[in-house]
Amino acid sequence: MDVIPQQPSAQFLTLEESAKVDAALLSSPEKFLTRLTISSLKLLKHIAQEYGVAIEDLTAQQLIAWFEEDGKIRREQGIEASYLKW
């Protein structure tokens, strides 16, 4: 799996996206789920790109392996080397 450099707003909502969610006629739980879904879509796009497949062709095993690898990178090289910064 090749590591693709992370864009500053690649994994979370941009200010514009967040403002659009805030302006939507949704309840607080719906807004949370909308933000989570948009962020998840961005992450799935990144993972699919790393594997060289379409998002719809990703498997559960590939997603698990990706998270395991990102966690390993974070533990061994530090948070700045991993894709997810948490």
PDB file of N, CA and C in Angstrom:
ATOM      1  N   MET A   1       0.852  -1.178   0.000  1.00  0.00           N
ATOM      2  CA  MET A   1       0.000   0.000   0.000  1.00  0.00           C
ATOM      3  C   MET A   1       0.894   1.235   0.000  1.00  0.00           C
ATOM      4  N   ASP A   2       0.780   2.061  -1.028  1.00  0.00           N
ATOM      5  CA  ASP A   2       1.558   3.290  -1.110  1.00  0.00           C
ATOM      6  C   ASP A   2       0.906   4.351  -0.248  1.00  0.00           C
ATOM      7  N   VAL A   3       1.724   5.155   0.393  1.00  0.00           N
ATOM      8  CA  VAL A   3       1.207   6.243   1.221  1.00  0.00           C
ATOM      9  C   VAL A   3       1.043   7.469   0.342  1.00  0.00           C
ATOM     10  N   ILE A   4      -0.146   8.019   0.351  1.00  0.00           N
ATOM     11  CA  ILE A   4      -0.461   9.215  -0.419  1.00  0.00           C
ATOM     12  C   ILE A   4      -0.500  10.385   0.542  1.00  0.00           C
ATOM     13  N   PRO A   5       0.228  11.473   0.245  1.00  0.00           N
ATOM     14  CA  PRO A   5       0.241  12.621   1.166  1.00  0.00           C
ATOM     15  C   PRO A   5      -1.172  13.129   1.439  1.00  0.00           C
ATOM     16  N   GLN A   6      -1.397  13.498   2.657  1.00  0.00           N
ATOM     17  CA  GLN A   6      -2.696  13.981   3.078  1.00  0.00           C
ATOM     18  C   GLN A   6      -2.831  15.474   2.812  1.00  0.00           C
ATOM     19  N   GLN A   7      -3.957  15.852   2.250  1.00  0.00           N
ATOM     20  CA  GLN A   7      -4.266  17.266   2.073  1.00  0.00           C
ATOM     21  C   GLN A   7      -4.785  17.797   3.402  1.00  0.00           C
ATOM     22  N   PRO A   8      -4.573  19.083   3.695  1.00  0.00           N
ATOM     23  CA  PRO A   8      -4.969  19.623   4.994  1.00  0.00           C
ATOM     24  C   PRO A   8      -6.416  19.348   5.379  1.00  0.00           C
ATOM     25  N   SER A   9      -7.352  19.425   4.439  1.00  0.00           N
ATOM     26  CA  SER A   9      -8.753  19.213   4.790  1.00  0.00           C
ATOM     27  C   SER A   9      -9.275  17.901   4.214  1.00  0.00           C
ATOM     28  N   ALA A  10      -8.398  16.994   3.860  1.00  0.00           N
ATOM     29  CA  ALA A  10      -8.795  15.774   3.176  1.00  0.00           C
ATOM     30  C   ALA A  10      -9.657  14.862   4.026  1.00  0.00           C
ATOM     31  N   GLN A  11      -9.436  14.827   5.330  1.00  0.00           N
ATOM     32  CA  GLN A  11     -10.171  13.845   6.100  1.00  0.00           C
ATOM     33  C   GLN A  11     -11.378  14.401   6.841  1.00  0.00           C
ATOM     34  N   PHE A  12     -11.502  15.707   6.918  1.00  0.00           N
ATOM     35  CA  PHE A  12     -12.625  16.295   7.624  1.00  0.00           C
ATOM     36  C   PHE A  12     -13.304  17.329   6.747  1.00  0.00           C
ATOM     37  N   LEU A  13     -14.392  17.876   7.233  1.00  0.00           N
ATOM     38  CA  LEU A  13     -15.141  18.839   6.449  1.00  0.00           C
ATOM     39  C   LEU A  13     -14.388  20.156   6.275  1.00  0.00           C
ATOM     40  N   THR A  14     -14.568  20.740   5.109  1.00  0.00           N
ATOM     41  CA  THR A  14     -14.058  22.086   4.891  1.00  0.00           C
ATOM     42  C   THR A  14     -15.004  23.052   5.620  1.00  0.00           C
ATOM     43  N   LEU A  15     -14.585  24.275   5.752  1.00  0.00           N
ATOM     44  CA  LEU A  15     -15.464  25.273   6.382  1.00  0.00           C
ATOM     45  C   LEU A  15     -16.753  25.441   5.586  1.00  0.00           C
ATOM     46  N   GLU A  16     -16.645  25.395   4.257  1.00  0.00           N
ATOM     47  CA  GLU A  16     -17.833  25.536   3.408  1.00  0.00           C
ATOM     48  C   GLU A  16     -18.794  24.362   3.606  1.00  0.00           C
ATOM     49  N   GLU A  17     -18.250  23.157   3.641  1.00  0.00           N
ATOM     50  CA  GLU A  17     -19.101  21.985   3.861  1.00  0.00           C
ATOM     51  C   GLU A  17     -19.773  22.044   5.228  1.00  0.00           C
ATOM     52  N   SER A  18     -19.019  22.437   6.232  1.00  0.00           N
ATOM     53  CA  SER A  18     -19.572  22.532   7.579  1.00  0.00           C
ATOM     54  C   SER A  18     -20.687  23.573   7.643  1.00  0.00           C
ATOM     55  N   ALA A  19     -20.482  24.695   6.973  1.00  0.00           N
ATOM     56  CA  ALA A  19     -21.506  25.747   6.938  1.00  0.00           C
ATOM     57  C   ALA A  19     -22.775  25.247   6.244  1.00  0.00           C
ATOM     58  N   LYS A  20     -22.611  24.468   5.178  1.00  0.00           N
ATOM     59  CA  LYS A  20     -23.773  23.915   4.478  1.00  0.00           C
ATOM     60  C   LYS A  20     -24.546  22.951   5.367  1.00  0.00           C
ATOM     61  N   VAL A  21     -23.814  22.128   6.128  1.00  0.00           N
ATOM     62  CA  VAL A  21     -24.491  21.214   7.058  1.00  0.00           C
ATOM     63  C   VAL A  21     -25.210  22.021   8.127  1.00  0.00           C
ATOM     64  N   ASP A  22     -24.549  23.044   8.674  1.00  0.00           N
ATOM     65  CA  ASP A  22     -25.183  23.881   9.697  1.00  0.00           C
ATOM     66  C   ASP A  22     -26.456  24.533   9.185  1.00  0.00           C
ATOM     67  N   ALA A  23     -26.461  24.924   7.919  1.00  0.00           N
ATOM     68  CA  ALA A  23     -27.609  25.623   7.345  1.00  0.00           C
ATOM     69  C   ALA A  23     -28.745  24.671   6.958  1.00  0.00           C
ATOM     70  N   ALA A  24     -28.449  23.400   6.881  1.00  0.00           N
ATOM     71  CA  ALA A  24     -29.467  22.424   6.477  1.00  0.00           C
ATOM     72  C   ALA A  24     -30.563  22.312   7.535  1.00  0.00           C
ATOM     73  N   LEU A  25     -31.747  22.000   7.089  1.00  0.00           N
ATOM     74  CA  LEU A  25     -32.878  21.844   7.993  1.00  0.00           C
ATOM     75  C   LEU A  25     -32.864  20.431   8.569  1.00  0.00           C
ATOM     76  N   LEU A  26     -31.908  20.203   9.458  1.00  0.00           N
ATOM     77  CA  LEU A  26     -31.699  18.898  10.069  1.00  0.00           C
ATOM     78  C   LEU A  26     -31.620  19.037  11.579  1.00  0.00           C
ATOM     79  N   SER A  27     -31.966  17.968  12.278  1.00  0.00           N
ATOM     80  CA  SER A  27     -31.804  17.952  13.730  1.00  0.00           C
ATOM     81  C   SER A  27     -30.315  17.816  14.042  1.00  0.00           C
ATOM     82  N   SER A  28     -29.961  18.049  15.283  1.00  0.00           N
ATOM     83  CA  SER A  28     -28.550  17.914  15.688  1.00  0.00           C
ATOM     84  C   SER A  28     -28.005  16.508  15.405  1.00  0.00           C
ATOM     85  N   PRO A  29     -28.743  15.426  15.748  1.00  0.00           N
ATOM     86  CA  PRO A  29     -28.232  14.094  15.422  1.00  0.00           C
ATOM     87  C   PRO A  29     -28.074  13.883  13.905  1.00  0.00           C
ATOM     88  N   GLU A  30     -28.989  14.428  13.125  1.00  0.00           N
ATOM     89  CA  GLU A  30     -28.890  14.311  11.669  1.00  0.00           C
ATOM     90  C   GLU A  30     -27.684  15.077  11.135  1.00  0.00           C
ATOM     91  N   LYS A  31     -27.401  16.237  11.706  1.00  0.00           N
ATOM     92  CA  LYS A  31     -26.223  17.008  11.288  1.00  0.00           C
ATOM     93  C   LYS A  31     -24.945  16.249  11.626  1.00  0.00           C
ATOM     94  N   PHE A  32     -24.899  15.636  12.805  1.00  0.00           N
ATOM     95  CA  PHE A  32     -23.734  14.841  13.186  1.00  0.00           C
ATOM     96  C   PHE A  32     -23.528  13.702  12.189  1.00  0.00           C
ATOM     97  N   LEU A  33     -24.587  12.976  11.885  1.00  0.00           N
ATOM     98  CA  LEU A  33     -24.486  11.857  10.952  1.00  0.00           C
ATOM     99  C   LEU A  33     -24.092  12.337   9.556  1.00  0.00           C
ATOM    100  N   THR A  34     -24.589  13.491   9.144  1.00  0.00           N
ATOM    101  CA  THR A  34     -24.221  14.058   7.841  1.00  0.00           C
ATOM    102  C   THR A  34     -22.737  14.385   7.802  1.00  0.00           C
ATOM    103  N   ARG A  35     -22.224  15.018   8.853  1.00  0.00           N
ATOM    104  CA  ARG A  35     -20.784  15.333   8.923  1.00  0.00           C
ATOM    105  C   ARG A  35     -19.947  14.054   8.900  1.00  0.00           C
ATOM    106  N   LEU A  36     -20.377  13.063   9.665  1.00  0.00           N
ATOM    107  CA  LEU A  36     -19.674  11.784   9.712  1.00  0.00           C
ATOM    108  C   LEU A  36     -19.674  11.112   8.339  1.00  0.00           C
ATOM    109  N   THR A  37     -20.789  11.178   7.648  1.00  0.00           N
ATOM    110  CA  THR A  37     -20.903  10.549   6.334  1.00  0.00           C
ATOM    111  C   THR A  37     -20.024  11.246   5.307  1.00  0.00           C
ATOM    112  N   ILE A  38     -19.998  12.559   5.312  1.00  0.00           N
ATOM    113  CA  ILE A  38     -19.141  13.304   4.380  1.00  0.00           C
ATOM    114  C   ILE A  38     -17.669  12.986   4.664  1.00  0.00           C
ATOM    115  N   SER A  39     -17.289  12.991   5.933  1.00  0.00           N
ATOM    116  CA  SER A  39     -15.908  12.659   6.296  1.00  0.00           C
ATOM    117  C   SER A  39     -15.575  11.224   5.904  1.00  0.00           C
ATOM    118  N   SER A  40     -16.509  10.319   6.109  1.00  0.00           N
ATOM    119  CA  SER A  40     -16.300   8.913   5.748  1.00  0.00           C
ATOM    120  C   SER A  40     -16.127   8.756   4.247  1.00  0.00           C
ATOM    121  N   LEU A  41     -16.899   9.487   3.465  1.00  0.00           N
ATOM    122  CA  LEU A  41     -16.759   9.432   2.014  1.00  0.00           C
ATOM    123  C   LEU A  41     -15.361   9.861   1.590  1.00  0.00           C
ATOM    124  N   LYS A  42     -14.862  10.930   2.194  1.00  0.00           N
ATOM    125  CA  LYS A  42     -13.511  11.395   1.873  1.00  0.00           C
ATOM    126  C   LYS A  42     -12.472  10.335   2.229  1.00  0.00           C
ATOM    127  N   LEU A  43     -12.646   9.697   3.379  1.00  0.00           N
ATOM    128  CA  LEU A  43     -11.711   8.671   3.801  1.00  0.00           C
ATOM    129  C   LEU A  43     -11.792   7.461   2.876  1.00  0.00           C
ATOM    130  N   LEU A  44     -12.998   7.059   2.493  1.00  0.00           N
ATOM    131  CA  LEU A  44     -13.151   5.935   1.568  1.00  0.00           C
ATOM    132  C   LEU A  44     -12.506   6.229   0.217  1.00  0.00           C
ATOM    133  N   LYS A  45     -12.633   7.464  -0.255  1.00  0.00           N
ATOM    134  CA  LYS A  45     -11.975   7.846  -1.508  1.00  0.00           C
ATOM    135  C   LYS A  45     -10.467   7.701  -1.386  1.00  0.00           C
ATOM    136  N   HIS A  46      -9.923   8.134  -0.255  1.00  0.00           N
ATOM    137  CA  HIS A  46      -8.483   8.042  -0.016  1.00  0.00           C
ATOM    138  C   HIS A  46      -8.036   6.578   0.016  1.00  0.00           C
ATOM    139  N   ILE A  47      -8.757   5.757   0.756  1.00  0.00           N
ATOM    140  CA  ILE A  47      -8.397   4.345   0.872  1.00  0.00           C
ATOM    141  C   ILE A  47      -8.497   3.653  -0.487  1.00  0.00           C
ATOM    142  N   ALA A  48      -9.559   3.923  -1.221  1.00  0.00           N
ATOM    143  CA  ALA A  48      -9.727   3.318  -2.554  1.00  0.00           C
ATOM    144  C   ALA A  48      -8.581   3.728  -3.467  1.00  0.00           C
ATOM    145  N   GLN A  49      -8.169   4.978  -3.394  1.00  0.00           N
ATOM    146  CA  GLN A  49      -7.054   5.461  -4.210  1.00  0.00           C
ATOM    147  C   GLN A  49      -5.768   4.723  -3.841  1.00  0.00           C
ATOM    148  N   GLU A  50      -5.539   4.514  -2.552  1.00  0.00           N
ATOM    149  CA  GLU A  50      -4.346   3.789  -2.114  1.00  0.00           C
ATOM    150  C   GLU A  50      -4.326   2.363  -2.648  1.00  0.00           C
ATOM    151  N   TYR A  51      -5.494   1.723  -2.674  1.00  0.00           N
ATOM    152  CA  TYR A  51      -5.587   0.346  -3.159  1.00  0.00           C
ATOM    153  C   TYR A  51      -5.734   0.275  -4.681  1.00  0.00           C
ATOM    154  N   GLY A  52      -5.971   1.417  -5.315  1.00  0.00           N
ATOM    155  CA  GLY A  52      -6.128   1.431  -6.767  1.00  0.00           C
ATOM    156  C   GLY A  52      -7.418   0.775  -7.229  1.00  0.00           C
ATOM    157  N   VAL A  53      -8.478   0.942  -6.437  1.00  0.00           N
ATOM    158  CA  VAL A  53      -9.777   0.364  -6.788  1.00  0.00           C
ATOM    159  C   VAL A  53     -10.859   1.434  -6.647  1.00  0.00           C
ATOM    160  N   ALA A  54     -12.013   1.143  -7.213  1.00  0.00           N
ATOM    161  CA  ALA A  54     -13.171   2.021  -7.033  1.00  0.00           C
ATOM    162  C   ALA A  54     -13.707   1.826  -5.616  1.00  0.00           C
ATOM    163  N   ILE A  55     -14.314   2.852  -5.066  1.00  0.00           N
ATOM    164  CA  ILE A  55     -14.863   2.772  -3.709  1.00  0.00           C
ATOM    165  C   ILE A  55     -15.780   1.563  -3.573  1.00  0.00           C
ATOM    166  N   GLU A  56     -16.626   1.348  -4.549  1.00  0.00           N
ATOM    167  CA  GLU A  56     -17.591   0.249  -4.442  1.00  0.00           C
ATOM    168  C   GLU A  56     -16.928  -1.131  -4.474  1.00  0.00           C
ATOM    169  N   ASP A  57     -15.660  -1.179  -4.869  1.00  0.00           N
ATOM    170  CA  ASP A  57     -14.937  -2.447  -4.902  1.00  0.00           C
ATOM    171  C   ASP A  57     -14.117  -2.705  -3.641  1.00  0.00           C
ATOM    172  N   LEU A  58     -14.085  -1.737  -2.726  1.00  0.00           N
ATOM    173  CA  LEU A  58     -13.386  -1.956  -1.459  1.00  0.00           C
ATOM    174  C   LEU A  58     -14.088  -3.064  -0.680  1.00  0.00           C
ATOM    175  N   THR A  59     -13.298  -3.871  -0.009  1.00  0.00           N
ATOM    176  CA  THR A  59     -13.866  -4.925   0.822  1.00  0.00           C
ATOM    177  C   THR A  59     -13.697  -4.560   2.292  1.00  0.00           C
ATOM    178  N   ALA A  60     -14.474  -5.228   3.136  1.00  0.00           N
ATOM    179  CA  ALA A  60     -14.338  -5.015   4.573  1.00  0.00           C
ATOM    180  C   ALA A  60     -12.915  -5.348   5.010  1.00  0.00           C
ATOM    181  N   GLN A  61     -12.336  -6.413   4.455  1.00  0.00           N
ATOM    182  CA  GLN A  61     -10.978  -6.799   4.828  1.00  0.00           C
ATOM    183  C   GLN A  61      -9.966  -5.726   4.453  1.00  0.00           C
ATOM    184  N   GLN A  62     -10.127  -5.081   3.298  1.00  0.00           N
ATOM    185  CA  GLN A  62      -9.227  -3.998   2.908  1.00  0.00           C
ATOM    186  C   GLN A  62      -9.352  -2.824   3.876  1.00  0.00           C
ATOM    187  N   LEU A  63     -10.578  -2.497   4.282  1.00  0.00           N
ATOM    188  CA  LEU A  63     -10.769  -1.391   5.217  1.00  0.00           C
ATOM    189  C   LEU A  63     -10.124  -1.709   6.561  1.00  0.00           C
ATOM    190  N   ILE A  64     -10.314  -2.922   7.044  1.00  0.00           N
ATOM    191  CA  ILE A  64      -9.695  -3.329   8.306  1.00  0.00           C
ATOM    192  C   ILE A  64      -8.180  -3.249   8.197  1.00  0.00           C
ATOM    193  N   ALA A  65      -7.633  -3.786   7.102  1.00  0.00           N
ATOM    194  CA  ALA A  65      -6.175  -3.779   6.901  1.00  0.00           C
ATOM    195  C   ALA A  65      -5.655  -2.347   6.832  1.00  0.00           C
ATOM    196  N   TRP A  66      -6.393  -1.456   6.184  1.00  0.00           N
ATOM    197  CA  TRP A  66      -5.960  -0.066   6.068  1.00  0.00           C
ATOM    198  C   TRP A  66      -5.893   0.577   7.454  1.00  0.00           C
ATOM    199  N   PHE A  67      -6.940   0.382   8.272  1.00  0.00           N
ATOM    200  CA  PHE A  67      -6.950   0.954   9.618  1.00  0.00           C
ATOM    201  C   PHE A  67      -5.846   0.351  10.479  1.00  0.00           C
ATOM    202  N   GLU A  68      -5.602  -0.955  10.327  1.00  0.00           N
ATOM    203  CA  GLU A  68      -4.514  -1.578  11.067  1.00  0.00           C
ATOM    204  C   GLU A  68      -3.175  -0.951  10.685  1.00  0.00           C
ATOM    205  N   GLU A  69      -2.950  -0.762   9.399  1.00  0.00           N
ATOM    206  CA  GLU A  69      -1.691  -0.184   8.923  1.00  0.00           C
ATOM    207  C   GLU A  69      -1.535   1.263   9.383  1.00  0.00           C
ATOM    208  N   ASP A  70      -2.610   2.053   9.298  1.00  0.00           N
ATOM    209  CA  ASP A  70      -2.534   3.448   9.730  1.00  0.00           C
ATOM    210  C   ASP A  70      -2.252   3.520  11.233  1.00  0.00           C
ATOM    211  N   GLY A  71      -2.871   2.625  12.015  1.00  0.00           N
ATOM    212  CA  GLY A  71      -2.616   2.580  13.448  1.00  0.00           C
ATOM    213  C   GLY A  71      -1.176   2.183  13.750  1.00  0.00           C
ATOM    214  N   LYS A  72      -0.657   1.236  12.975  1.00  0.00           N
ATOM    215  CA  LYS A  72       0.733   0.802  13.150  1.00  0.00           C
ATOM    216  C   LYS A  72       1.691   1.959  12.855  1.00  0.00           C
ATOM    217  N   ILE A  73       1.431   2.686  11.794  1.00  0.00           N
ATOM    218  CA  ILE A  73       2.262   3.847  11.442  1.00  0.00           C
ATOM    219  C   ILE A  73       2.221   4.866  12.576  1.00  0.00           C
ATOM    220  N   ARG A  74       1.023   5.122  13.102  1.00  0.00           N
ATOM    221  CA  ARG A  74       0.874   6.104  14.193  1.00  0.00           C
ATOM    222  C   ARG A  74       1.662   5.660  15.430  1.00  0.00           C
ATOM    223  N   ARG A  75       1.584   4.377  15.768  1.00  0.00           N
ATOM    224  CA  ARG A  75       2.296   3.871  16.949  1.00  0.00           C
ATOM    225  C   ARG A  75       3.809   3.885  16.754  1.00  0.00           C
ATOM    226  N   GLU A  76       4.267   3.511  15.565  1.00  0.00           N
ATOM    227  CA  GLU A  76       5.705   3.365  15.323  1.00  0.00           C
ATOM    228  C   GLU A  76       6.394   4.660  14.897  1.00  0.00           C
ATOM    229  N   GLN A  77       5.677   5.516  14.166  1.00  0.00           N
ATOM    230  CA  GLN A  77       6.311   6.707  13.602  1.00  0.00           C
ATOM    231  C   GLN A  77       5.742   8.012  14.135  1.00  0.00           C
ATOM    232  N   GLY A  78       4.665   7.932  14.869  1.00  0.00           N
ATOM    233  CA  GLY A  78       4.055   9.131  15.421  1.00  0.00           C
ATOM    234  C   GLY A  78       2.844   9.560  14.624  1.00  0.00           C
ATOM    235  N   ILE A  79       2.043  10.370  15.270  1.00  0.00           N
ATOM    236  CA  ILE A  79       0.762  10.788  14.696  1.00  0.00           C
ATOM    237  C   ILE A  79       0.919  11.546  13.378  1.00  0.00           C
ATOM    238  N   GLU A  80       1.967  12.320  13.246  1.00  0.00           N
ATOM    239  CA  GLU A  80       2.156  13.099  12.016  1.00  0.00           C
ATOM    240  C   GLU A  80       2.420  12.227  10.805  1.00  0.00           C
ATOM    241  N   ALA A  81       2.913  11.006  11.008  1.00  0.00           N
ATOM    242  CA  ALA A  81       3.201  10.102   9.896  1.00  0.00           C
ATOM    243  C   ALA A  81       1.949   9.341   9.451  1.00  0.00           C
ATOM    244  N   SER A  82       0.948   9.268  10.299  1.00  0.00           N
ATOM    245  CA  SER A  82      -0.268   8.533   9.961  1.00  0.00           C
ATOM    246  C   SER A  82      -1.221   9.426   9.178  1.00  0.00           C
ATOM    247  N   TYR A  83      -2.193   8.803   8.535  1.00  0.00           N
ATOM    248  CA  TYR A  83      -3.179   9.578   7.781  1.00  0.00           C
ATOM    249  C   TYR A  83      -4.205  10.200   8.732  1.00  0.00           C
ATOM    250  N   LEU A  84      -4.733   9.376   9.621  1.00  0.00           N
ATOM    251  CA  LEU A  84      -5.719   9.889  10.580  1.00  0.00           C
ATOM    252  C   LEU A  84      -4.997  10.499  11.767  1.00  0.00           C
ATOM    253  N   LYS A  85      -5.366  11.689  12.118  1.00  0.00           N
ATOM    254  CA  LYS A  85      -4.690  12.442  13.187  1.00  0.00           C
ATOM    255  C   LYS A  85      -5.536  12.443  14.452  1.00  0.00           C
ATOM    256  N   TRP A  86      -5.629  11.298  15.116  1.00  0.00           N
ATOM    257  CA  TRP A  86      -6.357  11.236  16.374  1.00  0.00           C
ATOM    258  C   TRP A  86      -5.621  10.420  17.363  1.00  0.00           C
TER     259      TRP A  86
END
